[in-house]
Amino acid sequence: MRVTVNGRPRELPEGTTVAAVVAAVTEAAAGVAVAVNDEVVSRGAWDATTVRDLDRVEVLTAVQGG
């Protein structure tokens, strides 16, 4: 299936979870937020939430500094 992750198209297998998408994008263990089709997915739901064909996933990481 085709999913857009942070603005870039990716081919992912059926059943891919939000947690797997996050792991592919960042190694950060904290300060990460995810939205699927503009809806925030809480961290506790990442393992249970699968992405679907044509979904848009945004993985955001917090950055410190000024």
Foldseek 3Di string as FASTA:
>chain_A
DWEAEQNRIDDDDPPAFQVNVQVVVDPDPDQKWKDKQNHTDDPVCRNVHTDDPHIYMYIDGDDDDD
